[in-house]
């Protein structure tokens, strides 16, 4: 399930990046943007997991 969410986020991010920069889209730019998007997704998942862990600890 997480993989499909991650994939859709990357695809949406890539589409937005291409639309925002229709003139100069080099593979390096696309790669850099994908890395930024991926790291943002990882940070978001880590924050969600951290919140869930905190709630589990508090409820026990």
PDB file of N, CA and C in Angstrom:
ATOM      1  N   UNK A   1       0.834  -1.204   0.000  1.00  0.00           N
ATOM      2  CA  UNK A   1       0.000   0.000   0.000  1.00  0.00           C
ATOM      3  C   UNK A   1       0.870   1.256   0.000  1.00  0.00           C
ATOM      4  N   UNK A   2       1.901   1.261   0.836  1.00  0.00           N
ATOM      5  CA  UNK A   2       2.771   2.431   0.892  1.00  0.00           C
ATOM      6  C   UNK A   2       3.451   2.680  -0.447  1.00  0.00           C
ATOM      7  N   UNK A   3       3.784   1.589  -1.150  1.00  0.00           N
ATOM      8  CA  UNK A   3       4.467   1.752  -2.430  1.00  0.00           C
ATOM      9  C   UNK A   3       3.577   2.479  -3.428  1.00  0.00           C
ATOM     10  N   UNK A   4       2.279   2.140  -3.451  1.00  0.00           N
ATOM     11  CA  UNK A   4       1.380   2.786  -4.407  1.00  0.00           C
ATOM     12  C   UNK A   4       1.197   4.259  -4.058  1.00  0.00           C
ATOM     13  N   UNK A   5       1.134   4.575  -2.760  1.00  0.00           N
ATOM     14  CA  UNK A   5       1.025   5.976  -2.355  1.00  0.00           C
ATOM     15  C   UNK A   5       2.284   6.727  -2.781  1.00  0.00           C
ATOM     16  N   UNK A   6       3.428   6.129  -2.502  1.00  0.00           N
ATOM     17  CA  UNK A   6       4.697   6.756  -2.857  1.00  0.00           C
ATOM     18  C   UNK A   6       4.789   6.975  -4.360  1.00  0.00           C
ATOM     19  N   UNK A   7       4.399   5.956  -5.131  1.00  0.00           N
ATOM     20  CA  UNK A   7       4.465   6.052  -6.590  1.00  0.00           C
ATOM     21  C   UNK A   7       3.567   7.172  -7.094  1.00  0.00           C
ATOM     22  N   UNK A   8       2.352   7.256  -6.570  1.00  0.00           N
ATOM     23  CA  UNK A   8       1.430   8.293  -7.033  1.00  0.00           C
ATOM     24  C   UNK A   8       1.963   9.676  -6.675  1.00  0.00           C
ATOM     25  N   UNK A   9       2.557   9.820  -5.498  1.00  0.00           N
ATOM     26  CA  UNK A   9       3.117  11.118  -5.112  1.00  0.00           C
ATOM     27  C   UNK A   9       4.251  11.507  -6.050  1.00  0.00           C
ATOM     28  N   UNK A  10       5.115  10.545  -6.380  1.00  0.00           N
ATOM     29  CA  UNK A  10       6.228  10.836  -7.286  1.00  0.00           C
ATOM     30  C   UNK A  10       5.705  11.218  -8.664  1.00  0.00           C
ATOM     31  N   UNK A  11       4.698  10.493  -9.148  1.00  0.00           N
ATOM     32  CA  UNK A  11       4.145  10.793 -10.477  1.00  0.00           C
ATOM     33  C   UNK A  11       3.521  12.180 -10.483  1.00  0.00           C
ATOM     34  N   UNK A  12       2.754  12.504  -9.447  1.00  0.00           N
ATOM     35  CA  UNK A  12       2.129  13.832  -9.370  1.00  0.00           C
ATOM     36  C   UNK A  12       3.202  14.913  -9.273  1.00  0.00           C
ATOM     37  N   UNK A  13       4.224  14.659  -8.455  1.00  0.00           N
ATOM     38  CA  UNK A  13       5.300  15.637  -8.329  1.00  0.00           C
ATOM     39  C   UNK A  13       6.038  15.838  -9.637  1.00  0.00           C
ATOM     40  N   UNK A  14       6.277  14.739 -10.342  1.00  0.00           N
ATOM     41  CA  UNK A  14       6.967  14.822 -11.629  1.00  0.00           C
ATOM     42  C   UNK A  14       6.115  15.582 -12.643  1.00  0.00           C
ATOM     43  N   UNK A  15       4.821  15.301 -12.673  1.00  0.00           N
ATOM     44  CA  UNK A  15       3.929  15.995 -13.604  1.00  0.00           C
ATOM     45  C   UNK A  15       3.890  17.487 -13.293  1.00  0.00           C
ATOM     46  N   UNK A  16       3.813  17.832 -12.015  1.00  0.00           N
ATOM     47  CA  UNK A  16       3.794  19.244 -11.630  1.00  0.00           C
ATOM     48  C   UNK A  16       5.106  19.918 -12.007  1.00  0.00           C
ATOM     49  N   UNK A  17       6.217  19.202 -11.819  1.00  0.00           N
ATOM     50  CA  UNK A  17       7.522  19.768 -12.152  1.00  0.00           C
ATOM     51  C   UNK A  17       7.631  20.013 -13.651  1.00  0.00           C
ATOM     52  N   UNK A  18       7.163  19.066 -14.454  1.00  0.00           N
ATOM     53  CA  UNK A  18       7.235  19.215 -15.911  1.00  0.00           C
ATOM     54  C   UNK A  18       6.345  20.367 -16.361  1.00  0.00           C
ATOM     55  N   UNK A  19       5.160  20.501 -15.743  1.00  0.00           N
ATOM     56  CA  UNK A  19       4.267  21.601 -16.110  1.00  0.00           C
ATOM     57  C   UNK A  19       4.864  22.943 -15.703  1.00  0.00           C
ATOM     58  N   UNK A  20       5.538  22.976 -14.555  1.00  0.00           N
ATOM     59  CA  UNK A  20       6.108  24.231 -14.073  1.00  0.00           C
ATOM     60  C   UNK A  20       7.318  24.646 -14.910  1.00  0.00           C
ATOM     61  N   UNK A  21       8.022  23.671 -15.487  1.00  0.00           N
ATOM     62  CA  UNK A  21       9.230  23.959 -16.260  1.00  0.00           C
ATOM     63  C   UNK A  21       9.153  23.283 -17.632  1.00  0.00           C
ATOM     64  N   UNK A  22       8.263  23.762 -18.502  1.00  0.00           N
ATOM     65  CA  UNK A  22       8.088  23.069 -19.781  1.00  0.00           C
ATOM     66  C   UNK A  22       9.258  23.280 -20.746  1.00  0.00           C
ATOM     67  N   UNK A  23      10.040  24.345 -20.544  1.00  0.00           N
ATOM     68  CA  UNK A  23      11.085  24.678 -21.506  1.00  0.00           C
ATOM     69  C   UNK A  23      12.331  23.829 -21.279  1.00  0.00           C
ATOM     70  N   UNK A  24      12.887  23.916 -20.084  1.00  0.00           N
ATOM     71  CA  UNK A  24      14.165  23.250 -19.817  1.00  0.00           C
ATOM     72  C   UNK A  24      13.966  22.137 -18.797  1.00  0.00           C
ATOM     73  N   UNK A  25      13.649  20.958 -19.279  1.00  0.00           N
ATOM     74  CA  UNK A  25      13.529  19.798 -18.396  1.00  0.00           C
ATOM     75  C   UNK A  25      14.612  18.814 -18.799  1.00  0.00           C
ATOM     76  N   UNK A  26      15.698  18.843 -18.046  1.00  0.00           N
ATOM     77  CA  UNK A  26      16.781  17.897 -18.312  1.00  0.00           C
ATOM     78  C   UNK A  26      16.632  16.707 -17.375  1.00  0.00           C
ATOM     79  N   UNK A  27      17.186  15.571 -17.753  1.00  0.00           N
ATOM     80  CA  UNK A  27      17.105  14.400 -16.859  1.00  0.00           C
ATOM     81  C   UNK A  27      17.673  14.684 -15.475  1.00  0.00           C
ATOM     82  N   UNK A  28      18.708  15.507 -15.414  1.00  0.00           N
ATOM     83  CA  UNK A  28      19.300  15.820 -14.106  1.00  0.00           C
ATOM     84  C   UNK A  28      18.298  16.602 -13.253  1.00  0.00           C
ATOM     85  N   UNK A  29      17.609  17.587 -13.864  1.00  0.00           N
ATOM     86  CA  UNK A  29      16.612  18.355 -13.114  1.00  0.00           C
ATOM     87  C   UNK A  29      15.498  17.444 -12.619  1.00  0.00           C
ATOM     88  N   UNK A  30      15.034  16.564 -13.503  1.00  0.00           N
ATOM     89  CA  UNK A  30      13.962  15.641 -13.121  1.00  0.00           C
ATOM     90  C   UNK A  30      14.436  14.745 -11.987  1.00  0.00           C
ATOM     91  N   UNK A  31      15.662  14.251 -12.086  1.00  0.00           N
ATOM     92  CA  UNK A  31      16.207  13.398 -11.029  1.00  0.00           C
ATOM     93  C   UNK A  31      16.303  14.136  -9.712  1.00  0.00           C
ATOM     94  N   UNK A  32      16.785  15.379  -9.760  1.00  0.00           N
ATOM     95  CA  UNK A  32      16.888  16.170  -8.529  1.00  0.00           C
ATOM     96  C   UNK A  32      15.511  16.392  -7.919  1.00  0.00           C
ATOM     97  N   UNK A  33      14.527  16.680  -8.763  1.00  0.00           N
ATOM     98  CA  UNK A  33      13.176  16.912  -8.255  1.00  0.00           C
ATOM     99  C   UNK A  33      12.613  15.630  -7.651  1.00  0.00           C
ATOM    100  N   UNK A  34      12.863  14.490  -8.303  1.00  0.00           N
ATOM    101  CA  UNK A  34      12.379  13.215  -7.762  1.00  0.00           C
ATOM    102  C   UNK A  34      13.016  12.942  -6.405  1.00  0.00           C
ATOM    103  N   UNK A  35      14.300  13.255  -6.272  1.00  0.00           N
ATOM    104  CA  UNK A  35      14.968  13.048  -4.981  1.00  0.00           C
ATOM    105  C   UNK A  35      14.341  13.945  -3.921  1.00  0.00           C
ATOM    106  N   UNK A  36      14.063  15.205  -4.277  1.00  0.00           N
ATOM    107  CA  UNK A  36      13.425  16.114  -3.316  1.00  0.00           C
ATOM    108  C   UNK A  36      12.050  15.586  -2.923  1.00  0.00           C
ATOM    109  N   UNK A  37      11.261  15.163  -3.926  1.00  0.00           N
ATOM    110  CA  UNK A  37       9.923  14.644  -3.641  1.00  0.00           C
ATOM    111  C   UNK A  37      10.010  13.400  -2.774  1.00  0.00           C
ATOM    112  N   UNK A  38      10.932  12.507  -3.108  1.00  0.00           N
ATOM    113  CA  UNK A  38      11.059  11.261  -2.349  1.00  0.00           C
ATOM    114  C   UNK A  38      11.459  11.554  -0.911  1.00  0.00           C
ATOM    115  N   UNK A  39      12.403  12.468  -0.718  1.00  0.00           N
ATOM    116  CA  UNK A  39      12.829  12.771   0.650  1.00  0.00           C
ATOM    117  C   UNK A  39      11.692  13.438   1.415  1.00  0.00           C
ATOM    118  N   UNK A  40      10.892  14.270   0.735  1.00  0.00           N
ATOM    119  CA  UNK A  40       9.744  14.887   1.398  1.00  0.00           C
ATOM    120  C   UNK A  40       8.732  13.828   1.817  1.00  0.00           C
ATOM    121  N   UNK A  41       8.507  12.843   0.944  1.00  0.00           N
ATOM    122  CA  UNK A  41       7.571  11.761   1.270  1.00  0.00           C
ATOM    123  C   UNK A  41       8.094  10.958   2.451  1.00  0.00           C
ATOM    124  N   UNK A  42       9.394  10.666   2.446  1.00  0.00           N
ATOM    125  CA  UNK A  42       9.983   9.898   3.553  1.00  0.00           C
ATOM    126  C   UNK A  42       9.848  10.669   4.861  1.00  0.00           C
ATOM    127  N   UNK A  43      10.111  11.971   4.821  1.00  0.00           N
ATOM    128  CA  UNK A  43       9.985  12.778   6.034  1.00  0.00           C
ATOM    129  C   UNK A  43       8.542  12.783   6.525  1.00  0.00           C
ATOM    130  N   UNK A  44       7.595  12.881   5.589  1.00  0.00           N
ATOM    131  CA  UNK A  44       6.176  12.885   5.951  1.00  0.00           C
ATOM    132  C   UNK A  44       5.789  11.552   6.583  1.00  0.00           C
ATOM    133  N   UNK A  45       6.217  10.443   5.967  1.00  0.00           N
ATOM    134  CA  UNK A  45       5.919   9.117   6.528  1.00  0.00           C
ATOM    135  C   UNK A  45       6.555   8.965   7.903  1.00  0.00           C
ATOM    136  N   UNK A  46       7.764   9.474   8.074  1.00  0.00           N
ATOM    137  CA  UNK A  46       8.428   9.382   9.376  1.00  0.00           C
ATOM    138  C   UNK A  46       7.662  10.184  10.424  1.00  0.00           C
ATOM    139  N   UNK A  47       7.169  11.354  10.039  1.00  0.00           N
ATOM    140  CA  UNK A  47       6.395  12.169  10.976  1.00  0.00           C
ATOM    141  C   UNK A  47       5.105  11.461  11.367  1.00  0.00           C
ATOM    142  N   UNK A  48       4.428  10.875  10.380  1.00  0.00           N
ATOM    143  CA  UNK A  48       3.184  10.145  10.656  1.00  0.00           C
ATOM    144  C   UNK A  48       3.468   8.951  11.561  1.00  0.00           C
ATOM    145  N   UNK A  49       4.533   8.212  11.258  1.00  0.00           N
ATOM    146  CA  UNK A  49       4.886   7.049  12.079  1.00  0.00           C
ATOM    147  C   UNK A  49       5.250   7.490  13.492  1.00  0.00           C
ATOM    148  N   UNK A  50       5.959   8.597  13.614  1.00  0.00           N
ATOM    149  CA  UNK A  50       6.326   9.111  14.935  1.00  0.00           C
ATOM    150  C   UNK A  50       5.099   9.503  15.738  1.00  0.00           C
ATOM    151  N   UNK A  51       4.148  10.169  15.093  1.00  0.00           N
ATOM    152  CA  UNK A  51       2.908  10.543  15.780  1.00  0.00           C
ATOM    153  C   UNK A  51       2.146   9.306  16.217  1.00  0.00           C
ATOM    154  N   UNK A  52       2.066   8.308  15.347  1.00  0.00           N
ATOM    155  CA  UNK A  52       1.350   7.076  15.683  1.00  0.00           C
ATOM    156  C   UNK A  52       2.023   6.380  16.861  1.00  0.00           C
ATOM    157  N   UNK A  53       3.347   6.333  16.849  1.00  0.00           N
ATOM    158  CA  UNK A  53       4.074   5.687  17.948  1.00  0.00           C
ATOM    159  C   UNK A  53       3.837   6.437  19.254  1.00  0.00           C
ATOM    160  N   UNK A  54       3.843   7.763  19.195  1.00  0.00           N
ATOM    161  CA  UNK A  54       3.612   8.558  20.398  1.00  0.00           C
ATOM    162  C   UNK A  54       2.213   8.299  20.953  1.00  0.00           C
ATOM    163  N   UNK A  55       1.221   8.241  20.059  1.00  0.00           N
ATOM    164  CA  UNK A  55      -0.149   7.985  20.505  1.00  0.00           C
ATOM    165  C   UNK A  55      -0.264   6.598  21.119  1.00  0.00           C
ATOM    166  N   UNK A  56       0.404   5.608  20.535  1.00  0.00           N
ATOM    167  CA  UNK A  56       0.353   4.251  21.080  1.00  0.00           C
ATOM    168  C   UNK A  56       0.966   4.224  22.476  1.00  0.00           C
ATOM    169  N   UNK A  57       2.070   4.942  22.666  1.00  0.00           N
ATOM    170  CA  UNK A  57       2.725   4.967  23.980  1.00  0.00           C
ATOM    171  C   UNK A  57       1.824   5.660  24.994  1.00  0.00           C
ATOM    172  N   UNK A  58       1.165   6.731  24.581  1.00  0.00           N
ATOM    173  CA  UNK A  58       0.318   7.478  25.511  1.00  0.00           C
ATOM    174  C   UNK A  58      -0.922   6.686  25.907  1.00  0.00           C
ATOM    175  N   UNK A  59      -1.472   5.886  24.993  1.00  0.00           N
ATOM    176  CA  UNK A  59      -2.707   5.172  25.299  1.00  0.00           C
ATOM    177  C   UNK A  59      -2.459   3.983  26.215  1.00  0.00           C
ATOM    178  N   UNK A  60      -1.215   3.474  26.261  1.00  0.00           N
ATOM    179  CA  UNK A  60      -0.946   2.293  27.105  1.00  0.00           C
ATOM    180  C   UNK A  60      -0.952   2.648  28.580  1.00  0.00           C
TER     181      UNK A  60
END
